[in-house]
PDB file of N, CA and C in Angstrom:
ATOM      1  N   MET A   1      93.719 100.762 126.800  1.00  0.00           N
ATOM      2  CA  MET A   1      93.017 101.797 126.084  1.00  0.00           C
ATOM      3  C   MET A   1      93.337 101.648 124.591  1.00  0.00           C
ATOM      4  N   PRO A   2      92.337 101.717 123.724  1.00  0.00           N
ATOM      5  CA  PRO A   2      92.573 101.553 122.285  1.00  0.00           C
ATOM      6  C   PRO A   2      93.450 102.671 121.712  1.00  0.00           C
ATOM      7  N   ARG A   3      94.168 102.330 120.666  1.00  0.00           N
ATOM      8  CA  ARG A   3      95.010 103.297 119.947  1.00  0.00           C
ATOM      9  C   ARG A   3      94.424 103.495 118.563  1.00  0.00           C
ATOM     10  N   TYR A   4      94.416 104.729 118.127  1.00  0.00           N
ATOM     11  CA  TYR A   4      93.878 105.080 116.816  1.00  0.00           C
ATOM     12  C   TYR A   4      94.957 105.797 116.022  1.00  0.00           C
ATOM     13  N   ASP A   5      95.057 105.474 114.733  1.00  0.00           N
ATOM     14  CA  ASP A   5      96.010 106.116 113.845  1.00  0.00           C
ATOM     15  C   ASP A   5      95.327 107.253 113.107  1.00  0.00           C
ATOM     16  N   TYR A   6      96.045 108.354 112.970  1.00  0.00           N
ATOM     17  CA  TYR A   6      95.546 109.539 112.277  1.00  0.00           C
ATOM     18  C   TYR A   6      96.599 110.024 111.296  1.00  0.00           C
ATOM     19  N   ARG A   7      96.146 110.781 110.297  1.00  0.00           N
ATOM     20  CA  ARG A   7      97.061 111.433 109.367  1.00  0.00           C
ATOM     21  C   ARG A   7      96.647 112.886 109.270  1.00  0.00           C
ATOM     22  N   CYS A   8      97.640 113.771 109.310  1.00  0.00           N
ATOM     23  CA  CYS A   8      97.391 115.197 109.174  1.00  0.00           C
ATOM     24  C   CYS A   8      97.363 115.539 107.685  1.00  0.00           C
ATOM     25  N   ARG A   9      96.299 116.154 107.239  1.00  0.00           N
ATOM     26  CA  ARG A   9      96.181 116.543 105.830  1.00  0.00           C
ATOM     27  C   ARG A   9      97.032 117.754 105.505  1.00  0.00           C
ATOM     28  N   THR A  10      97.423 118.517 106.513  1.00  0.00           N
ATOM     29  CA  THR A  10      98.225 119.719 106.284  1.00  0.00           C
ATOM     30  C   THR A  10      99.702 119.379 106.109  1.00  0.00           C
ATOM     31  N   CYS A  11     100.273 118.617 107.056  1.00  0.00           N
ATOM     32  CA  CYS A  11     101.716 118.332 106.989  1.00  0.00           C
ATOM     33  C   CYS A  11     102.029 116.898 106.565  1.00  0.00           C
ATOM     34  N   GLY A  12     101.008 116.016 106.509  1.00  0.00           N
ATOM     35  CA  GLY A  12     101.216 114.639 106.074  1.00  0.00           C
ATOM     36  C   GLY A  12     101.728 113.708 107.152  1.00  0.00           C
ATOM     37  N   ASP A  13     101.896 114.201 108.370  1.00  0.00           N
ATOM     38  CA  ASP A  13     102.384 113.378 109.464  1.00  0.00           C
ATOM     39  C   ASP A  13     101.347 112.312 109.830  1.00  0.00           C
ATOM     40  N   THR A  14     101.808 111.096 110.110  1.00  0.00           N
ATOM     41  CA  THR A  14     100.945 110.024 110.602  1.00  0.00           C
ATOM     42  C   THR A  14     101.298 109.810 112.071  1.00  0.00           C
ATOM     43  N   PHE A  15     100.280 109.744 112.915  1.00  0.00           N
ATOM     44  CA  PHE A  15     100.527 109.637 114.348  1.00  0.00           C
ATOM     45  C   PHE A  15      99.455 108.785 114.996  1.00  0.00           C
ATOM     46  N   GLU A  16      99.718 108.404 116.237  1.00  0.00           N
ATOM     47  CA  GLU A  16      98.850 107.498 116.979  1.00  0.00           C
ATOM     48  C   GLU A  16      98.356 108.196 118.244  1.00  0.00           C
ATOM     49  N   VAL A  17      97.086 107.970 118.577  1.00  0.00           N
ATOM     50  CA  VAL A  17      96.500 108.562 119.776  1.00  0.00           C
ATOM     51  C   VAL A  17      95.811 107.457 120.573  1.00  0.00           C
ATOM     52  N   SER A  18      96.081 107.398 121.861  1.00  0.00           N
ATOM     53  CA  SER A  18      95.398 106.471 122.756  1.00  0.00           C
ATOM     54  C   SER A  18      94.246 107.220 123.411  1.00  0.00           C
ATOM     55  N   ARG A  19      93.041 106.687 123.245  1.00  0.00           N
ATOM     56  CA  ARG A  19      91.868 107.311 123.859  1.00  0.00           C
ATOM     57  C   ARG A  19      90.776 106.277 124.012  1.00  0.00           C
ATOM     58  N   SER A  20      89.805 106.591 124.829  1.00  0.00           N
ATOM     59  CA  SER A  20      88.716 105.650 125.060  1.00  0.00           C
ATOM     60  C   SER A  20      87.865 105.514 123.798  1.00  0.00           C
ATOM     61  N   MET A  21      87.140 104.409 123.708  1.00  0.00           N
ATOM     62  CA  MET A  21      86.295 104.175 122.537  1.00  0.00           C
ATOM     63  C   MET A  21      85.202 105.236 122.434  1.00  0.00           C
ATOM     64  N   SER A  22      84.731 105.728 123.559  1.00  0.00           N
ATOM     65  CA  SER A  22      83.682 106.756 123.527  1.00  0.00           C
ATOM     66  C   SER A  22      84.200 108.081 122.969  1.00  0.00           C
ATOM     67  N   ASP A  23      85.518 108.294 122.999  1.00  0.00           N
ATOM     68  CA  ASP A  23      86.116 109.514 122.453  1.00  0.00           C
ATOM     69  C   ASP A  23      86.748 109.293 121.079  1.00  0.00           C
ATOM     70  N   SER A  24      86.528 108.133 120.470  1.00  0.00           N
ATOM     71  CA  SER A  24      87.223 107.790 119.231  1.00  0.00           C
ATOM     72  C   SER A  24      86.904 108.723 118.067  1.00  0.00           C
ATOM     73  N   SER A  25      85.734 109.349 118.069  1.00  0.00           N
ATOM     74  CA  SER A  25      85.384 110.226 116.952  1.00  0.00           C
ATOM     75  C   SER A  25      85.607 111.705 117.270  1.00  0.00           C
ATOM     76  N   ALA A  26      86.210 112.003 118.415  1.00  0.00           N
ATOM     77  CA  ALA A  26      86.474 113.397 118.779  1.00  0.00           C
ATOM     78  C   ALA A  26      87.536 113.989 117.858  1.00  0.00           C
ATOM     79  N   ASP A  27      87.469 115.297 117.630  1.00  0.00           N
ATOM     80  CA  ASP A  27      88.472 115.987 116.820  1.00  0.00           C
ATOM     81  C   ASP A  27      89.854 115.793 117.434  1.00  0.00           C
ATOM     82  N   THR A  28      90.866 115.682 116.562  1.00  0.00           N
ATOM     83  CA  THR A  28      92.225 115.409 117.009  1.00  0.00           C
ATOM     84  C   THR A  28      93.193 116.353 116.318  1.00  0.00           C
ATOM     85  N   LEU A  29      94.080 116.959 117.079  1.00  0.00           N
ATOM     86  CA  LEU A  29      95.139 117.791 116.524  1.00  0.00           C
ATOM     87  C   LEU A  29      96.352 116.928 116.239  1.00  0.00           C
ATOM     88  N   CYS A  30      97.100 117.265 115.185  1.00  0.00           N
ATOM     89  CA  CYS A  30      98.351 116.558 114.932  1.00  0.00           C
ATOM     90  C   CYS A  30      99.388 117.069 115.941  1.00  0.00           C
ATOM     91  N   PRO A  31     100.513 116.366 116.098  1.00  0.00           N
ATOM     92  CA  PRO A  31     101.525 116.779 117.068  1.00  0.00           C
ATOM     93  C   PRO A  31     102.061 118.194 116.837  1.00  0.00           C
ATOM     94  N   VAL A  32     101.975 118.696 115.593  1.00  0.00           N
ATOM     95  CA  VAL A  32     102.447 120.043 115.283  1.00  0.00           C
ATOM     96  C   VAL A  32     101.370 121.082 115.602  1.00  0.00           C
ATOM     97  N   GLY A  33     100.109 120.630 115.716  1.00  0.00           N
ATOM     98  CA  GLY A  33      99.022 121.528 116.076  1.00  0.00           C
ATOM     99  C   GLY A  33      97.995 121.784 114.992  1.00  0.00           C
ATOM    100  N   HIS A  34      98.160 121.157 113.828  1.00  0.00           N
ATOM    101  CA  HIS A  34      97.171 121.311 112.754  1.00  0.00           C
ATOM    102  C   HIS A  34      95.874 120.597 113.131  1.00  0.00           C
ATOM    103  N   ASP A  35      94.755 121.153 112.681  1.00  0.00           N
ATOM    104  CA  ASP A  35      93.471 120.534 113.041  1.00  0.00           C
ATOM    105  C   ASP A  35      92.799 119.787 111.898  1.00  0.00           C
ATOM    106  N   ASP A  36      93.428 119.716 110.728  1.00  0.00           N
ATOM    107  CA  ASP A  36      92.856 119.010 109.585  1.00  0.00           C
ATOM    108  C   ASP A  36      93.403 117.580 109.564  1.00  0.00           C
ATOM    109  N   THR A  37      92.846 116.717 110.420  1.00  0.00           N
ATOM    110  CA  THR A  37      93.318 115.338 110.520  1.00  0.00           C
ATOM    111  C   THR A  37      92.202 114.369 110.160  1.00  0.00           C
ATOM    112  N   VAL A  38      92.598 113.175 109.793  1.00  0.00           N
ATOM    113  CA  VAL A  38      91.645 112.128 109.447  1.00  0.00           C
ATOM    114  C   VAL A  38      92.061 110.838 110.150  1.00  0.00           C
ATOM    115  N   LYS A  39      91.082 110.129 110.711  1.00  0.00           N
ATOM    116  CA  LYS A  39      91.360 108.849 111.355  1.00  0.00           C
ATOM    117  C   LYS A  39      91.537 107.799 110.267  1.00  0.00           C
ATOM    118  N   LEU A  40      92.594 107.006 110.382  1.00  0.00           N
ATOM    119  CA  LEU A  40      92.904 105.987 109.384  1.00  0.00           C
ATOM    120  C   LEU A  40      92.264 104.661 109.753  1.00  0.00           C
ATOM    121  N   LEU A  41      91.916 103.917 108.745  1.00  0.00           N
ATOM    122  CA  LEU A  41      91.424 102.560 108.941  1.00  0.00           C
ATOM    123  C   LEU A  41      92.638 101.682 109.189  1.00  0.00           C
ATOM    124  N   THR A  42      92.665 101.011 110.300  1.00  0.00           N
ATOM    125  CA  THR A  42      93.793 100.148 110.617  1.00  0.00           C
ATOM    126  C   THR A  42      93.344  98.698 110.610  1.00  0.00           C
ATOM    127  N   THR A  43      94.254  97.845 110.212  1.00  0.00           N
ATOM    128  CA  THR A  43      93.983  96.413 110.200  1.00  0.00           C
ATOM    129  C   THR A  43      95.079  95.716 110.982  1.00  0.00           C
ATOM    130  N   PHE A  44      94.795  94.547 111.444  1.00  0.00           N
ATOM    131  CA  PHE A  44      95.797  93.768 112.139  1.00  0.00           C
ATOM    132  C   PHE A  44      95.617  92.312 111.771  1.00  0.00           C
ATOM    133  N   GLY A  45      96.700  91.583 111.831  1.00  0.00           N
ATOM    134  CA  GLY A  45      96.656  90.163 111.525  1.00  0.00           C
ATOM    135  C   GLY A  45      96.759  89.336 112.785  1.00  0.00           C
ATOM    136  N   VAL A  46      96.239  88.157 112.712  1.00  0.00           N
ATOM    137  CA  VAL A  46      96.330  87.231 113.822  1.00  0.00           C
ATOM    138  C   VAL A  46      97.173  86.061 113.351  1.00  0.00           C
ATOM    139  N   GLY A  47      98.227  85.769 114.060  1.00  0.00           N
ATOM    140  CA  GLY A  47      99.123  84.698 113.666  1.00  0.00           C
ATOM    141  C   GLY A  47      98.611  83.335 114.088  1.00  0.00           C
ATOM    142  N   GLY A  48      99.240  82.322 113.538  1.00  0.00           N
ATOM    143  CA  GLY A  48      98.872  80.958 113.899  1.00  0.00           C
ATOM    144  C   GLY A  48      97.833  80.399 112.950  1.00  0.00           C
ATOM    145  N   SER A  49      97.511  79.158 113.169  1.00  0.00           N
ATOM    146  CA  SER A  49      96.505  78.522 112.331  1.00  0.00           C
ATOM    147  C   SER A  49      95.318  78.107 113.187  1.00  0.00           C
ATOM    148  N   ALA A  50      94.218  77.876 112.562  1.00  0.00           N
ATOM    149  CA  ALA A  50      93.016  77.468 113.295  1.00  0.00           C
ATOM    150  C   ALA A  50      93.243  76.137 113.999  1.00  0.00           C
ATOM    151  N   SER A  51      93.977  75.247 113.362  1.00  0.00           N
ATOM    152  CA  SER A  51      94.200  73.950 113.984  1.00  0.00           C
ATOM    153  C   SER A  51      95.068  74.076 115.230  1.00  0.00           C
ATOM    154  N   ALA A  52      95.997  75.004 115.211  1.00  0.00           N
ATOM    155  CA  ALA A  52      96.848  75.197 116.384  1.00  0.00           C
ATOM    156  C   ALA A  52      96.031  75.779 117.532  1.00  0.00           C
ATOM    157  N   GLN A  53      95.074  76.611 117.210  1.00  0.00           N
ATOM    158  CA  GLN A  53      94.252  77.222 118.241  1.00  0.00           C
ATOM    159  C   GLN A  53      93.249  76.240 118.816  1.00  0.00           C
ATOM    160  N   ARG A  54      92.742  75.320 118.001  1.00  0.00           N
ATOM    161  CA  ARG A  54      91.751  74.363 118.473  1.00  0.00           C
ATOM    162  C   ARG A  54      92.382  73.081 118.972  1.00  0.00           C
ATOM    163  N   GLY A  55      93.668  72.852 118.610  1.00  0.00           N
ATOM    164  CA  GLY A  55      94.329  71.628 119.027  1.00  0.00           C
ATOM    165  C   GLY A  55      93.952  70.442 118.165  1.00  0.00           C
ATOM    166  N   THR A  56      93.497  70.662 116.936  1.00  0.00           N
ATOM    167  CA  THR A  56      93.147  69.576 116.027  1.00  0.00           C
ATOM    168  C   THR A  56      94.063  69.617 114.822  1.00  0.00           C
ATOM    169  N   GLN A  57      94.047  68.545 114.062  1.00  0.00           N
ATOM    170  CA  GLN A  57      94.848  68.509 112.850  1.00  0.00           C
ATOM    171  C   GLN A  57      94.161  69.309 111.764  1.00  0.00           C
ATOM    172  N   SER A  58      94.982  69.910 110.900  1.00  0.00           N
ATOM    173  CA  SER A  58      94.415  70.685 109.804  1.00  0.00           C
ATOM    174  C   SER A  58      94.046  69.756 108.647  1.00  0.00           C
ATOM    175  N   ALA A  59      93.166  70.232 107.801  1.00  0.00           N
ATOM    176  CA  ALA A  59      92.752  69.468 106.627  1.00  0.00           C
ATOM    177  C   ALA A  59      93.914  69.395 105.648  1.00  0.00           C
ATOM    178  N   PRO A  60      94.009  68.321 104.880  1.00  0.00           N
ATOM    179  CA  PRO A  60      95.086  68.236 103.896  1.00  0.00           C
ATOM    180  C   PRO A  60      94.915  69.309 102.837  1.00  0.00           C
ATOM    181  N   PRO A  61      96.034  69.819 102.315  1.00  0.00           N
ATOM    182  CA  PRO A  61      95.937  70.869 101.304  1.00  0.00           C
ATOM    183  C   PRO A  61      95.284  70.343 100.034  1.00  0.00           C
ATOM    184  N   SER A  62      94.507  71.186  99.396  1.00  0.00           N
ATOM    185  CA  SER A  62      93.906  70.813  98.120  1.00  0.00           C
ATOM    186  C   SER A  62      94.529  71.651  97.027  1.00  0.00           C
ATOM    187  N   GLY A  63      94.467  71.180  95.818  1.00  0.00           N
ATOM    188  CA  GLY A  63      95.160  71.834  94.704  1.00  0.00           C
ATOM    189  C   GLY A  63      94.364  72.945  94.075  1.00  0.00           C
ATOM    190  N   GLY A  64      95.036  73.682  93.225  1.00  0.00           N
ATOM    191  CA  GLY A  64      94.385  74.744  92.466  1.00  0.00           C
ATOM    192  C   GLY A  64      94.320  76.057  93.222  1.00  0.00           C
ATOM    193  N   CYS A  65      94.158  77.115  92.464  1.00  0.00           N
ATOM    194  CA  CYS A  65      94.122  78.449  93.064  1.00  0.00           C
ATOM    195  C   CYS A  65      92.854  78.683  93.859  1.00  0.00           C
ATOM    196  N   CYS A  66      91.801  77.931  93.558  1.00  0.00           N
ATOM    197  CA  CYS A  66      90.543  78.137  94.272  1.00  0.00           C
ATOM    198  C   CYS A  66      90.345  77.110  95.374  1.00  0.00           C
ATOM    199  N   GLY A  67      91.331  76.254  95.573  1.00  0.00           N
ATOM    200  CA  GLY A  67      91.275  75.296  96.664  1.00  0.00           C
ATOM    201  C   GLY A  67      90.510  74.025  96.353  1.00  0.00           C
ATOM    202  N   GLY A  68      89.789  73.984  95.228  1.00  0.00           N
ATOM    203  CA  GLY A  68      89.024  72.796  94.896  1.00  0.00           C
ATOM    204  C   GLY A  68      89.535  72.044  93.695  1.00  0.00           C
ATOM    205  N   GLY A  69      90.600  72.519  93.111  1.00  0.00           N
ATOM    206  CA  GLY A  69      91.187  71.844  91.971  1.00  0.00           C
ATOM    207  C   GLY A  69      90.422  72.060  90.667  1.00  0.00           C
ATOM    208  N   CYS A  70      89.494  73.014  90.636  1.00  0.00           N
ATOM    209  CA  CYS A  70      88.698  73.221  89.428  1.00  0.00           C
ATOM    210  C   CYS A  70      89.338  74.202  88.455  1.00  0.00           C
ATOM    211  N   CYS A  71      90.431  74.821  88.829  1.00  0.00           N
ATOM    212  CA  CYS A  71      91.098  75.781  87.938  1.00  0.00           C
ATOM    213  C   CYS A  71      92.004  75.033  86.969  1.00  0.00           C
ATOM    214  N   SER A  72      92.172  75.578  85.800  1.00  0.00           N
ATOM    215  CA  SER A  72      93.063  74.926  84.830  1.00  0.00           C
ATOM    216  C   SER A  72      94.412  75.578  84.803  1.00  0.00           C
TER     217      SER A  72
END
């Protein structure tokens, strides 16, 4: 079941709620009981490299901040 992060605007508490995707936009009370909460945008990272996932060798690194060596 997906987990969603919320923040209470009244007390500032940040908390997590597990609920179905169909209920993701339902009103949520904070653990203290306040009803002024907002769902937070959460991000996650995926570890590893593309070459490790595909089983191929990675391209050789290129220079410069833009990857093409065109920066001075």
